[in-house]
Protein backbone atom coordinates (compact mmCIF):
# COMPACT_ATOMS: atom_id res chain seq x y z
CA MET A 1 -4.75 1.74 29.52
CA SER A 2 -7.04 -1.40 29.44
CA LEU A 3 -6.44 -3.92 26.98
CA PRO A 4 -9.03 -5.67 24.48
CA ALA A 5 -10.35 -9.08 25.44
CA PRO A 6 -7.99 -12.06 23.77
CA ALA A 7 -8.84 -12.36 20.10
CA ASP A 8 -7.80 -14.83 17.52
CA PHE A 9 -5.77 -12.11 16.05
CA TRP A 10 -4.65 -8.28 17.38
CA VAL A 11 -3.99 -5.01 15.31
CA CYS A 12 -1.46 -2.67 16.94
CA ARG A 13 -3.18 0.79 17.09
CA THR A 14 -0.44 2.95 15.18
CA CYS A 15 0.01 1.04 12.16
CA ALA A 16 -2.56 -1.49 12.03
CA VAL A 17 -1.46 -4.70 10.88
CA GLU A 18 -2.58 -7.74 12.03
CA HIS A 19 -0.68 -9.96 14.50
CA ALA A 20 -1.42 -13.55 15.56
CA THR A 21 -0.17 -12.53 18.93
CA ARG A 22 0.40 -9.89 20.96
CA PRO A 23 3.72 -9.08 21.38
CA GLU A 24 5.73 -6.14 23.77
CA VAL A 25 6.24 -3.88 20.92
CA CYS A 26 5.54 -4.13 17.10
CA ALA A 27 8.44 -4.23 15.51
CA ILE A 28 7.18 -2.73 12.44
CA CYS A 29 6.37 0.79 14.42
CA ALA A 30 9.88 -0.16 16.02
CA ASP A 31 12.06 0.15 13.26
CA GLU A 32 13.04 3.65 12.22
CA ARG A 33 10.96 4.44 9.56
CA GLN A 34 8.09 4.33 11.43
CA TRP A 35 7.36 4.88 15.32
CA VAL A 36 6.04 3.69 18.51
CA PRO A 37 4.02 6.16 20.51
CA ALA A 38 5.31 7.99 23.62
CA THR A 39 3.04 6.39 25.83
CA GLY A 40 3.81 3.11 24.77
CA GLN A 41 2.33 0.28 22.53
CA GLU A 42 -1.43 -0.01 22.30
CA TRP A 43 -3.10 -3.13 20.78
CA THR A 44 -7.42 -3.52 19.66
CA THR A 45 -9.54 -5.83 17.49
CA LEU A 46 -11.52 -5.66 14.78
CA ASP A 47 -14.95 -6.13 17.19
CA GLU A 48 -13.24 -3.38 19.07
CA LEU A 49 -12.38 -1.15 16.28
CA ALA A 50 -16.40 -1.92 15.16
CA ALA A 51 -17.64 -0.91 18.72
CA GLU A 52 -15.95 2.91 18.03
CA GLY A 53 -17.87 3.13 15.04
CA LEU A 54 -15.16 2.53 12.37
CA ALA A 55 -16.79 2.24 8.74
CA VAL A 56 -15.26 1.27 5.61
CA GLU A 57 -16.32 4.13 2.56
CA VAL A 58 -15.71 3.62 -0.81
CA ALA A 59 -15.44 6.52 -3.53
CA GLU A 60 -14.47 6.27 -7.35
CA LEU A 61 -11.30 8.01 -8.24
CA GLU A 62 -11.89 7.25 -11.93
CA PRO A 63 -13.14 4.84 -13.97
CA GLY A 64 -12.45 1.21 -12.57
CA LEU A 65 -10.39 2.37 -9.78
CA LEU A 66 -11.88 2.84 -6.35
CA ALA A 67 -10.50 3.76 -3.30
CA LEU A 68 -11.47 2.50 0.79
CA HIS A 69 -10.88 4.54 3.88
CA ALA A 70 -11.76 3.68 6.86
CA THR A 71 -13.69 6.57 9.04
CA PRO A 72 -12.36 7.27 11.72
CA ARG A 73 -8.82 6.21 10.56
CA VAL A 74 -7.36 3.46 11.69
CA GLY A 75 -3.45 3.78 12.09
CA ILE A 76 -1.48 5.18 9.00
CA GLY A 77 -5.09 6.42 7.62
CA GLN A 78 -4.49 4.75 4.42
CA GLN A 79 -6.01 5.26 1.24
CA ALA A 80 -6.71 1.17 -0.14
CA LYS A 81 -7.20 1.06 -3.68
CA VAL A 82 -9.24 -1.38 -5.67
CA VAL A 83 -8.41 -2.23 -9.62
CA ARG A 84 -11.57 -3.43 -11.83
CA THR A 85 -10.96 -4.98 -14.48
CA PRO A 86 -13.05 -7.39 -16.68
CA ALA A 87 -10.73 -10.73 -15.47
CA GLY A 88 -11.74 -9.36 -11.59
CA ALA A 89 -9.72 -6.88 -8.97
CA LEU A 90 -6.81 -6.10 -7.02
CA LEU A 91 -7.08 -5.09 -3.45
CA TRP A 92 -3.46 -2.46 -3.36
CA ASP A 93 -2.51 -1.90 0.19
CA PRO A 94 -5.75 -3.26 2.19
CA LEU A 95 -6.70 -1.25 5.17
CA GLY A 96 -6.21 -1.52 8.82
CA PHE A 97 -10.13 -2.72 9.45
CA VAL A 98 -12.82 -5.13 7.75
CA ASP A 99 -16.61 -5.01 7.32
CA ASP A 100 -19.22 -6.00 5.30
CA GLY A 101 -19.59 -2.78 3.26
CA GLY A 102 -15.96 -2.91 2.38
CA VAL A 103 -16.01 -6.45 1.09
CA ALA A 104 -18.90 -6.07 -0.79
CA ALA A 105 -17.42 -3.25 -2.77
CA VAL A 106 -14.52 -5.44 -3.68
CA VAL A 107 -16.64 -8.17 -4.58
CA GLU A 108 -18.70 -5.93 -6.81
CA ALA A 109 -15.62 -4.77 -8.43
CA ALA A 110 -14.81 -8.30 -9.06
CA GLY A 111 -17.37 -8.78 -11.00
CA GLY A 112 -17.23 -12.27 -10.54
CA GLY A 113 -14.21 -12.68 -11.24
CA ASP A 114 -10.67 -13.29 -9.65
CA VAL A 115 -9.39 -11.15 -6.42
CA VAL A 116 -6.05 -10.63 -5.53
CA ILE A 117 -5.08 -8.76 -2.52
CA ALA A 118 -1.01 -7.08 -2.58
CA ALA A 119 0.51 -4.35 -0.42
CA SER A 120 3.22 -1.26 -1.36
CA HIS A 121 5.05 -2.49 1.47
CA PRO A 122 5.00 -4.21 5.13
CA HIS A 123 3.38 -0.40 6.81
CA MET A 124 0.89 -1.24 4.16
CA PHE A 125 -0.44 -4.86 5.01
CA GLY A 126 -3.26 -4.05 7.22
CA VAL A 127 -5.64 -6.88 7.70
CA GLN A 128 -4.63 -8.43 4.79
CA VAL A 129 -5.29 -11.69 6.12
CA GLU A 130 -8.67 -11.31 7.02
CA TRP A 131 -9.95 -9.34 4.25
CA SER A 132 -8.22 -12.80 2.09
CA ARG A 133 -10.47 -15.03 4.71
CA ARG A 134 -13.77 -12.49 4.63
CA LEU A 135 -13.47 -11.92 0.23
CA THR A 136 -12.78 -16.05 -0.25
CA ALA A 137 -16.11 -16.53 2.30
CA ALA A 138 -18.40 -14.19 -0.18
CA THR A 139 -16.91 -15.29 -3.42
CA GLY A 140 -16.88 -18.51 -3.04
CA ARG A 141 -12.61 -18.30 -4.91
CA ALA A 142 -9.27 -18.26 -2.98
CA VAL A 143 -8.29 -15.11 -2.76
CA PRO A 144 -4.70 -14.64 -2.01
CA VAL A 145 -2.37 -12.30 -0.47
CA LEU A 146 0.91 -11.70 -2.91
CA VAL A 147 3.92 -10.74 -0.35
CA SER A 148 7.30 -9.69 -1.39
CA GLU A 149 9.95 -12.48 -0.75
CA ALA A 150 12.21 -9.33 -0.11
CA ASP A 151 9.50 -8.16 2.50
CA ALA A 152 8.04 -11.62 3.68
CA GLY A 153 9.88 -11.42 7.06
CA TRP A 154 7.62 -8.39 8.04
CA VAL A 155 4.17 -10.94 8.02
CA ALA A 156 3.47 -10.89 11.30
CA ARG A 157 0.11 -12.91 10.93
CA PRO A 158 1.30 -15.99 8.63
CA ASP A 159 -1.50 -17.98 7.16
CA ASP A 160 -1.73 -20.41 3.99
CA VAL A 161 -3.47 -17.68 1.92
CA ILE A 162 0.13 -15.74 1.46
CA GLU A 163 2.00 -16.26 -1.22
CA THR A 164 5.62 -14.70 -1.40
CA TRP A 165 6.35 -13.39 -5.03
CA ALA A 166 9.53 -12.26 -6.20
CA PRO A 167 10.20 -10.51 -9.78
CA GLY A 168 10.64 -11.96 -13.03
CA PRO A 169 14.18 -10.84 -15.01
CA ASP A 170 11.93 -7.62 -15.79
CA GLY A 171 11.30 -6.77 -12.30
CA GLU A 172 7.41 -7.20 -13.18
CA ARG A 173 4.62 -10.24 -12.34
CA GLU A 174 1.21 -9.49 -14.04
CA VAL A 175 -1.51 -10.35 -11.48
CA LEU A 176 -4.68 -9.49 -14.02
CA PRO A 177 -4.79 -8.93 -17.62
CA GLY A 178 -3.28 -5.06 -17.72
CA VAL A 179 -2.14 -5.36 -13.78
CA VAL A 180 1.27 -5.90 -13.48
CA LEU A 181 3.01 -5.46 -9.68
CA SER A 182 6.79 -4.34 -10.10
CA GLN A 183 9.28 -4.00 -7.63
CA PRO A 184 11.34 -0.59 -7.48
CA GLY A 185 12.70 -0.90 -4.02
CA GLY A 186 13.60 2.62 -2.31
CA HIS A 187 11.28 2.83 0.82
CA PHE A 188 11.84 -1.05 1.52
CA PRO A 189 13.57 -3.67 -0.69
CA GLY A 190 10.60 -5.07 -1.60
CA SER A 191 8.48 -2.01 -2.23
CA ALA A 192 6.80 -2.38 -4.89
CA VAL A 193 4.08 -0.66 -7.77
CA VAL A 194 1.01 -1.33 -9.61
CA HIS A 195 1.06 -0.02 -13.90
CA TRP A 196 -2.38 -0.30 -14.73
CA THR A 197 -3.12 0.29 -18.23
CA GLY A 198 -6.55 2.67 -17.28
CA ALA A 199 -10.02 2.70 -18.43
CA ASP A 200 -8.59 5.29 -20.62
CA GLY A 201 -5.49 3.08 -21.85
CA ARG A 202 -3.04 5.79 -20.78
CA GLY A 203 -2.08 4.50 -18.02
CA VAL A 204 -2.06 4.60 -14.04
CA LEU A 205 0.68 4.18 -11.55
CA LEU A 206 -0.22 2.97 -8.02
CA SER A 207 2.84 3.98 -5.97
CA GLY A 208 1.98 3.32 -2.67
CA ASP A 209 5.06 5.82 -1.04
CA THR A 210 7.81 4.80 -2.95
CA ILE A 211 6.98 7.60 -4.67
CA PHE A 212 5.11 9.87 -3.10
CA ALA A 213 2.05 12.57 -4.49
CA ASN A 214 3.10 15.93 -2.82
CA PRO A 215 0.54 19.39 -2.70
CA ASP A 216 2.41 21.00 -5.59
CA ARG A 217 1.47 18.05 -8.09
CA THR A 218 5.13 16.73 -7.49
CA ALA A 219 6.86 13.44 -6.25
CA SER A 220 8.98 12.63 -3.04
CA PHE A 221 10.80 9.72 -2.32
CA MET A 222 11.67 8.71 1.39
CA ARG A 223 13.23 6.31 3.47
CA SER A 224 10.92 7.17 6.70
CA TYR A 225 8.46 9.89 5.98
CA PRO A 226 7.36 10.28 9.49
CA ASN A 227 11.08 10.45 10.53
CA ARG A 228 12.21 12.41 7.75
CA ILE A 229 14.99 10.16 6.55
CA PRO A 230 15.49 10.75 2.83
CA LEU A 231 16.75 8.20 0.39
CA SER A 232 19.95 8.53 -1.66
CA GLY A 233 19.74 10.27 -5.10
CA ALA A 234 21.40 6.89 -6.84
CA VAL A 235 18.69 5.02 -5.12
CA VAL A 236 15.79 7.38 -6.29
CA THR A 237 17.33 7.82 -9.84
CA ARG A 238 16.93 3.75 -10.05
CA VAL A 239 13.76 3.98 -8.63
CA ALA A 240 11.75 6.22 -10.94
CA GLU A 241 13.93 4.79 -14.19
CA HIS A 242 12.45 1.63 -13.14
CA VAL A 243 9.30 2.91 -13.13
CA ALA A 244 9.54 5.60 -15.99
CA ARG A 245 9.71 1.89 -18.15
CA ARG A 246 6.24 1.27 -18.52
CA PRO A 247 3.65 4.06 -19.72
CA PHE A 248 1.57 6.19 -17.25
CA ASP A 249 -0.60 9.74 -17.02
CA ARG A 250 -1.78 9.13 -13.22
CA LEU A 251 -0.58 8.39 -10.56
CA TYR A 252 -1.74 7.71 -6.83
CA ASN A 253 0.26 7.50 -4.06
CA ASN A 254 -1.34 5.76 -0.31
CA PHE A 255 -3.32 8.55 1.04
CA ASP A 256 -5.38 10.54 -1.04
CA GLY A 257 -2.43 12.50 -3.18
CA VAL A 258 -2.67 11.93 -7.09
CA ILE A 259 -0.65 13.25 -9.66
CA PRO A 260 -3.54 13.95 -12.19
CA ALA A 261 -1.88 13.90 -15.65
CA ASP A 262 2.36 13.79 -17.11
CA ALA A 263 2.81 11.60 -14.29
CA ARG A 264 5.92 9.71 -15.55
CA ASP A 265 7.37 13.01 -16.58
CA VAL A 266 7.05 14.61 -13.58
CA VAL A 267 8.29 11.63 -11.12
CA LEU A 268 11.70 11.81 -13.51
CA ARG A 269 11.81 15.39 -13.16
CA SER A 270 11.34 15.07 -9.50
CA ALA A 271 13.95 12.50 -8.96
CA GLU A 272 16.25 14.51 -10.95
CA ARG A 273 15.92 17.60 -8.44
CA HIS A 274 16.37 15.35 -5.58
CA ALA A 275 19.38 13.93 -6.76
CA ALA A 276 21.14 17.12 -7.46
CA TRP A 277 19.55 18.67 -3.81
CA VAL A 278 21.01 15.69 -1.80
CA ARG A 279 24.27 16.51 -4.22
CA GLY A 280 24.62 19.67 -3.00
CA ASP A 281 23.78 21.58 -6.40
CA PHE A 282 21.85 23.79 -4.28
CA ASP A 283 23.84 24.20 -1.59
CA HIS A 284 24.51 28.18 -2.40
CA LEU A 285 20.45 28.60 -1.65
CA THR A 286 20.74 27.44 2.09
């Protein structure tokens, strides 16, 4: 296997998280929540990905909310979200690839206001520092990268743009008016979600994969999705009750999954179902 030419930083092919150096194995992928390919660790660079034809595509999910995704897929293949507000924009779960088109979409969404970058958990760090640097250059304003204090040890490309955050007594931090980071934990100790009032005022939850929108519009909760490791019923109940403290009508996960209506009630019912199954209430059906 040929290696890419030396670069300022490296990108893991499997998770697409940026690294200041090229270790033997990506620690994020070596963890039980992710995986290292059977063929071994592979590294790449932004230049190499661009040469392969990658580009950031933009779509509107609803008024005030954009989706960014890389085509062809890079790493885990998450769908980043951009929340547009009168005060600026939040880039949530940044991609593992960045180009001029993606930067332009975020700058336009900010409308001359502030830009903030944050990720739900380490799998979604992407090339967050690189997004910050390019957005700072494009806007002329410093663009911070907020990383949960509980998960800061997973940062593989340290930089002054990174600001660790810890939730207040209520478990929250407002990053823009009407845009609140909240830390229910679960998937990772620092796993976070975003509560946004929404353009219609009914509330939107950007859940990463702390809470995953299923194909049948219910929700699931896992320690590891690829390796099928569940969370306990007690943790799932805690996560659901935490996010339910604020109203939300829609839920978007970190891919293209959505619960399009009554999402708060769906999350609470799904948590009850999960707890009942792991408790053994339905063993007679198995």
